[in-house]
PDB file of N, CA and C in Angstrom:
ATOM      1  N   UNK A   1      35.522  -3.895  -0.995  1.00  0.00           N
ATOM      2  CA  UNK A   1      35.097  -3.028  -2.050  1.00  0.00           C
ATOM      3  C   UNK A   1      35.466  -1.571  -1.732  1.00  0.00           C
ATOM      4  N   UNK A   2      36.112  -0.906  -2.560  1.00  0.00           N
ATOM      5  CA  UNK A   2      36.533   0.399  -2.234  1.00  0.00           C
ATOM      6  C   UNK A   2      35.426   1.385  -2.286  1.00  0.00           C
ATOM      7  N   UNK A   3      35.439   2.389  -1.352  1.00  0.00           N
ATOM      8  CA  UNK A   3      34.422   3.414  -1.423  1.00  0.00           C
ATOM      9  C   UNK A   3      34.598   4.343  -2.656  1.00  0.00           C
ATOM     10  N   UNK A   4      33.515   4.544  -3.336  1.00  0.00           N
ATOM     11  CA  UNK A   4      33.536   5.391  -4.521  1.00  0.00           C
ATOM     12  C   UNK A   4      32.871   6.702  -4.115  1.00  0.00           C
ATOM     13  N   UNK A   5      33.350   7.842  -4.623  1.00  0.00           N
ATOM     14  CA  UNK A   5      32.750   9.103  -4.375  1.00  0.00           C
ATOM     15  C   UNK A   5      31.389   9.076  -5.128  1.00  0.00           C
ATOM     16  N   UNK A   6      30.406   9.842  -4.621  1.00  0.00           N
ATOM     17  CA  UNK A   6      29.132   9.910  -5.352  1.00  0.00           C
ATOM     18  C   UNK A   6      29.408  10.654  -6.697  1.00  0.00           C
ATOM     19  N   UNK A   7      28.580  10.254  -7.660  1.00  0.00           N
ATOM     20  CA  UNK A   7      28.746  10.888  -8.982  1.00  0.00           C
ATOM     21  C   UNK A   7      28.365  12.376  -8.960  1.00  0.00           C
ATOM     22  N   UNK A   8      29.033  13.188  -9.765  1.00  0.00           N
ATOM     23  CA  UNK A   8      28.762  14.595  -9.910  1.00  0.00           C
ATOM     24  C   UNK A   8      27.527  14.808 -10.857  1.00  0.00           C
ATOM     25  N   UNK A   9      26.447  15.230 -10.335  1.00  0.00           N
ATOM     26  CA  UNK A   9      25.351  15.358 -11.168  1.00  0.00           C
ATOM     27  C   UNK A   9      25.148  16.799 -11.788  1.00  0.00           C
ATOM     28  N   UNK A  10      24.580  16.753 -12.981  1.00  0.00           N
ATOM     29  CA  UNK A  10      24.354  18.046 -13.666  1.00  0.00           C
ATOM     30  C   UNK A  10      23.034  18.490 -13.035  1.00  0.00           C
ATOM     31  N   UNK A  11      22.658  19.774 -13.505  1.00  0.00           N
ATOM     32  CA  UNK A  11      21.411  20.267 -12.960  1.00  0.00           C
ATOM     33  C   UNK A  11      20.232  19.358 -13.331  1.00  0.00           C
ATOM     34  N   UNK A  12      20.243  18.847 -14.639  1.00  0.00           N
ATOM     35  CA  UNK A  12      19.226  17.943 -15.002  1.00  0.00           C
ATOM     36  C   UNK A  12      19.226  16.673 -14.189  1.00  0.00           C
ATOM     37  N   UNK A  13      20.409  16.139 -13.856  1.00  0.00           N
ATOM     38  CA  UNK A  13      20.533  14.871 -13.113  1.00  0.00           C
ATOM     39  C   UNK A  13      20.028  15.118 -11.683  1.00  0.00           C
ATOM     40  N   UNK A  14      20.234  16.291 -11.134  1.00  0.00           N
ATOM     41  CA  UNK A  14      19.769  16.614  -9.746  1.00  0.00           C
ATOM     42  C   UNK A  14      18.295  16.688  -9.844  1.00  0.00           C
ATOM     43  N   UNK A  15      17.755  17.373 -10.839  1.00  0.00           N
ATOM     44  CA  UNK A  15      16.264  17.479 -10.924  1.00  0.00           C
ATOM     45  C   UNK A  15      15.604  16.133 -11.122  1.00  0.00           C
ATOM     46  N   UNK A  16      16.275  15.247 -11.845  1.00  0.00           N
ATOM     47  CA  UNK A  16      15.721  13.841 -11.992  1.00  0.00           C
ATOM     48  C   UNK A  16      15.783  13.079 -10.631  1.00  0.00           C
ATOM     49  N   UNK A  17      16.851  13.259  -9.971  1.00  0.00           N
ATOM     50  CA  UNK A  17      17.018  12.643  -8.712  1.00  0.00           C
ATOM     51  C   UNK A  17      15.923  13.076  -7.684  1.00  0.00           C
ATOM     52  N   UNK A  18      15.767  14.386  -7.628  1.00  0.00           N
ATOM     53  CA  UNK A  18      14.687  14.999  -6.765  1.00  0.00           C
ATOM     54  C   UNK A  18      13.343  14.498  -7.176  1.00  0.00           C
ATOM     55  N   UNK A  19      13.089  14.488  -8.436  1.00  0.00           N
ATOM     56  CA  UNK A  19      11.739  13.870  -8.888  1.00  0.00           C
ATOM     57  C   UNK A  19      11.568  12.460  -8.539  1.00  0.00           C
ATOM     58  N   UNK A  20      12.579  11.668  -8.647  1.00  0.00           N
ATOM     59  CA  UNK A  20      12.586  10.236  -8.296  1.00  0.00           C
ATOM     60  C   UNK A  20      12.291  10.063  -6.756  1.00  0.00           C
ATOM     61  N   UNK A  21      13.041  10.950  -6.035  1.00  0.00           N
ATOM     62  CA  UNK A  21      12.791  10.850  -4.521  1.00  0.00           C
ATOM     63  C   UNK A  21      11.474  11.247  -4.195  1.00  0.00           C
ATOM     64  N   UNK A  22      10.835  12.306  -4.898  1.00  0.00           N
ATOM     65  CA  UNK A  22       9.542  12.722  -4.540  1.00  0.00           C
ATOM     66  C   UNK A  22       8.446  11.620  -4.906  1.00  0.00           C
ATOM     67  N   UNK A  23       8.667  10.965  -6.076  1.00  0.00           N
ATOM     68  CA  UNK A  23       7.771   9.840  -6.461  1.00  0.00           C
ATOM     69  C   UNK A  23       7.848   8.765  -5.475  1.00  0.00           C
ATOM     70  N   UNK A  24       9.043   8.422  -5.018  1.00  0.00           N
ATOM     71  CA  UNK A  24       9.198   7.332  -4.061  1.00  0.00           C
ATOM     72  C   UNK A  24       8.544   7.686  -2.778  1.00  0.00           C
ATOM     73  N   UNK A  25       8.662   8.938  -2.236  1.00  0.00           N
ATOM     74  CA  UNK A  25       8.030   9.326  -1.037  1.00  0.00           C
ATOM     75  C   UNK A  25       6.541   9.313  -1.207  1.00  0.00           C
ATOM     76  N   UNK A  26       5.953   9.678  -2.312  1.00  0.00           N
ATOM     77  CA  UNK A  26       4.549   9.656  -2.558  1.00  0.00           C
ATOM     78  C   UNK A  26       4.080   8.244  -2.554  1.00  0.00           C
ATOM     79  N   UNK A  27       4.806   7.368  -3.181  1.00  0.00           N
ATOM     80  CA  UNK A  27       4.442   5.911  -3.186  1.00  0.00           C
ATOM     81  C   UNK A  27       4.420   5.367  -1.742  1.00  0.00           C
ATOM     82  N   UNK A  28       5.403   5.732  -1.024  1.00  0.00           N
ATOM     83  CA  UNK A  28       5.482   5.219   0.435  1.00  0.00           C
ATOM     84  C   UNK A  28       4.315   5.794   1.173  1.00  0.00           C
ATOM     85  N   UNK A  29       3.957   7.001   0.969  1.00  0.00           N
ATOM     86  CA  UNK A  29       2.761   7.566   1.825  1.00  0.00           C
ATOM     87  C   UNK A  29       1.517   6.895   1.392  1.00  0.00           C
ATOM     88  N   UNK A  30       1.300   6.645   0.045  1.00  0.00           N
ATOM     89  CA  UNK A  30       0.001   5.958  -0.415  1.00  0.00           C
ATOM     90  C   UNK A  30       0.076   4.514   0.103  1.00  0.00           C
ATOM     91  N   UNK A  31       1.169   3.810   0.160  1.00  0.00           N
ATOM     92  CA  UNK A  31       1.241   2.441   0.735  1.00  0.00           C
ATOM     93  C   UNK A  31       0.888   2.492   2.191  1.00  0.00           C
ATOM     94  N   UNK A  32       1.438   3.488   2.888  1.00  0.00           N
ATOM     95  CA  UNK A  32       1.060   3.505   4.343  1.00  0.00           C
ATOM     96  C   UNK A  32      -0.390   3.813   4.510  1.00  0.00           C
ATOM     97  N   UNK A  33      -1.009   4.719   3.678  1.00  0.00           N
ATOM     98  CA  UNK A  33      -2.417   5.040   3.843  1.00  0.00           C
ATOM     99  C   UNK A  33      -3.260   3.799   3.517  1.00  0.00           C
ATOM    100  N   UNK A  34      -2.908   3.030   2.506  1.00  0.00           N
ATOM    101  CA  UNK A  34      -3.579   1.772   2.094  1.00  0.00           C
ATOM    102  C   UNK A  34      -3.485   0.739   3.309  1.00  0.00           C
ATOM    103  N   UNK A  35      -2.325   0.660   3.859  1.00  0.00           N
ATOM    104  CA  UNK A  35      -2.117  -0.350   4.897  1.00  0.00           C
ATOM    105  C   UNK A  35      -2.970  -0.003   6.158  1.00  0.00           C
ATOM    106  N   UNK A  36      -3.001   1.288   6.477  1.00  0.00           N
ATOM    107  CA  UNK A  36      -3.830   1.759   7.627  1.00  0.00           C
ATOM    108  C   UNK A  36      -5.250   1.532   7.365  1.00  0.00           C
ATOM    109  N   UNK A  37      -5.695   1.812   6.092  1.00  0.00           N
ATOM    110  CA  UNK A  37      -7.184   1.544   5.856  1.00  0.00           C
ATOM    111  C   UNK A  37      -7.507   0.032   5.933  1.00  0.00           C
ATOM    112  N   UNK A  38      -6.577  -0.822   5.477  1.00  0.00           N
ATOM    113  CA  UNK A  38      -6.833  -2.271   5.580  1.00  0.00           C
ATOM    114  C   UNK A  38      -6.812  -2.648   7.083  1.00  0.00           C
ATOM    115  N   UNK A  39      -5.950  -2.105   7.834  1.00  0.00           N
ATOM    116  CA  UNK A  39      -5.959  -2.411   9.322  1.00  0.00           C
ATOM    117  C   UNK A  39      -7.258  -1.955   9.995  1.00  0.00           C
ATOM    118  N   UNK A  40      -7.707  -0.773   9.586  1.00  0.00           N
ATOM    119  CA  UNK A  40      -8.997  -0.342  10.202  1.00  0.00           C
ATOM    120  C   UNK A  40     -10.195  -1.223   9.779  1.00  0.00           C
ATOM    121  N   UNK A  41     -10.149  -1.655   8.478  1.00  0.00           N
ATOM    122  CA  UNK A  41     -11.195  -2.535   7.994  1.00  0.00           C
ATOM    123  C   UNK A  41     -11.085  -3.901   8.748  1.00  0.00           C
ATOM    124  N   UNK A  42      -9.937  -4.409   8.904  1.00  0.00           N
ATOM    125  CA  UNK A  42      -9.888  -5.753   9.663  1.00  0.00           C
ATOM    126  C   UNK A  42     -10.328  -5.508  11.112  1.00  0.00           C
ATOM    127  N   UNK A  43      -9.932  -4.410  11.712  1.00  0.00           N
ATOM    128  CA  UNK A  43     -10.359  -4.178  13.152  1.00  0.00           C
ATOM    129  C   UNK A  43     -11.810  -4.065  13.225  1.00  0.00           C
ATOM    130  N   UNK A  44     -12.418  -3.365  12.244  1.00  0.00           N
ATOM    131  CA  UNK A  44     -13.888  -3.194  12.301  1.00  0.00           C
ATOM    132  C   UNK A  44     -14.658  -4.577  12.045  1.00  0.00           C
ATOM    133  N   UNK A  45     -14.031  -5.401  11.231  1.00  0.00           N
ATOM    134  CA  UNK A  45     -14.629  -6.732  10.965  1.00  0.00           C
ATOM    135  C   UNK A  45     -14.551  -7.565  12.201  1.00  0.00           C
ATOM    136  N   UNK A  46     -13.413  -7.494  12.926  1.00  0.00           N
ATOM    137  CA  UNK A  46     -13.229  -8.327  14.153  1.00  0.00           C
ATOM    138  C   UNK A  46     -14.143  -7.786  15.190  1.00  0.00           C
ATOM    139  N   UNK A  47     -14.332  -6.565  15.312  1.00  0.00           N
ATOM    140  CA  UNK A  47     -15.142  -5.871  16.290  1.00  0.00           C
ATOM    141  C   UNK A  47     -16.638  -6.269  16.143  1.00  0.00           C
ATOM    142  N   UNK A  48     -17.059  -6.490  14.903  1.00  0.00           N
ATOM    143  CA  UNK A  48     -18.453  -6.775  14.658  1.00  0.00           C
ATOM    144  C   UNK A  48     -18.672  -8.115  13.945  1.00  0.00           C
ATOM    145  N   UNK A  49     -18.376  -9.184  14.620  1.00  0.00           N
ATOM    146  CA  UNK A  49     -18.511 -10.561  13.930  1.00  0.00           C
ATOM    147  C   UNK A  49     -20.004 -10.906  13.777  1.00  0.00           C
ATOM    148  N   UNK A  50     -20.945 -10.333  14.501  1.00  0.00           N
ATOM    149  CA  UNK A  50     -22.332 -10.687  14.328  1.00  0.00           C
ATOM    150  C   UNK A  50     -22.800 -10.179  12.995  1.00  0.00           C
ATOM    151  N   UNK A  51     -22.205  -9.118  12.366  1.00  0.00           N
ATOM    152  CA  UNK A  51     -22.717  -8.682  11.102  1.00  0.00           C
ATOM    153  C   UNK A  51     -22.347  -9.768  10.038  1.00  0.00           C
ATOM    154  N   UNK A  52     -21.232 -10.347  10.165  1.00  0.00           N
ATOM    155  CA  UNK A  52     -20.914 -11.488   9.143  1.00  0.00           C
ATOM    156  C   UNK A  52     -21.758 -12.656   9.428  1.00  0.00           C
ATOM    157  N   UNK A  53     -21.992 -13.044  10.608  1.00  0.00           N
ATOM    158  CA  UNK A  53     -22.837 -14.190  10.896  1.00  0.00           C
ATOM    159  C   UNK A  53     -24.267 -14.032  10.519  1.00  0.00           C
ATOM    160  N   UNK A  54     -24.790 -12.808  10.441  1.00  0.00           N
ATOM    161  CA  UNK A  54     -26.065 -12.567  10.112  1.00  0.00           C
ATOM    162  C   UNK A  54     -26.319 -12.578   8.591  1.00  0.00           C
ATOM    163  N   UNK A  55     -25.369 -12.421   7.850  1.00  0.00           N
ATOM    164  CA  UNK A  55     -25.344 -12.510   6.502  1.00  0.00           C
ATOM    165  C   UNK A  55     -25.578 -13.935   5.949  1.00  0.00           C
ATOM    166  N   UNK A  56     -26.647 -14.112   5.265  1.00  0.00           N
ATOM    167  CA  UNK A  56     -26.958 -15.582   4.782  1.00  0.00           C
ATOM    168  C   UNK A  56     -25.838 -16.051   3.771  1.00  0.00           C
ATOM    169  N   UNK A  57     -25.505 -17.313   3.737  1.00  0.00           N
ATOM    170  CA  UNK A  57     -24.552 -17.839   2.907  1.00  0.00           C
ATOM    171  C   UNK A  57     -25.090 -17.837   1.465  1.00  0.00           C
ATOM    172  N   UNK A  58     -24.251 -17.792   0.489  1.00  0.00           N
ATOM    173  CA  UNK A  58     -24.741 -17.841  -0.880  1.00  0.00           C
ATOM    174  C   UNK A  58     -25.136 -19.257  -1.192  1.00  0.00           C
ATOM    175  N   UNK A  59     -26.268 -19.404  -1.913  1.00  0.00           N
ATOM    176  CA  UNK A  59     -26.725 -20.718  -2.265  1.00  0.00           C
ATOM    177  C   UNK A  59     -25.751 -21.461  -3.239  1.00  0.00           C
ATOM    178  N   UNK A  60     -25.564 -22.687  -3.111  1.00  0.00           N
ATOM    179  CA  UNK A  60     -24.643 -23.382  -3.999  1.00  0.00           C
ATOM    180  C   UNK A  60     -25.331 -23.634  -5.354  1.00  0.00           C
ATOM    181  N   UNK A  61     -24.635 -24.069  -6.296  1.00  0.00           N
ATOM    182  CA  UNK A  61     -25.265 -24.345  -7.605  1.00  0.00           C
ATOM    183  C   UNK A  61     -26.299 -25.459  -7.494  1.00  0.00           C
ATOM    184  N   UNK A  62     -27.277 -25.368  -8.284  1.00  0.00           N
ATOM    185  CA  UNK A  62     -28.381 -26.385  -8.290  1.00  0.00           C
ATOM    186  C   UNK A  62     -27.810 -27.691  -8.770  1.00  0.00           C
ATOM    187  N   UNK A  63     -28.124 -28.773  -7.997  1.00  0.00           N
ATOM    188  CA  UNK A  63     -27.644 -30.046  -8.316  1.00  0.00           C
ATOM    189  C   UNK A  63     -28.671 -30.663  -9.314  1.00  0.00           C
ATOM    190  N   UNK A  64     -28.230 -31.258 -10.409  1.00  0.00           N
ATOM    191  CA  UNK A  64     -29.175 -31.717 -11.427  1.00  0.00           C
ATOM    192  C   UNK A  64     -28.998 -33.102 -11.788  1.00  0.00           C
TER     193      UNK A  64
END
């Protein structure tokens, strides 16, 4: 496949590309923040298993 030169962008095209890059960067930061929060929650859950064990199980449906 031959190498193609990058397209020549107009001012509007450059602005759109910069906005797209900014949105992508923001989405990646939010994804990383969410993954870190999930990892902290999992670590806290593993560190305190007695809290889960002390919680009573939900009663099942009444048998009729």
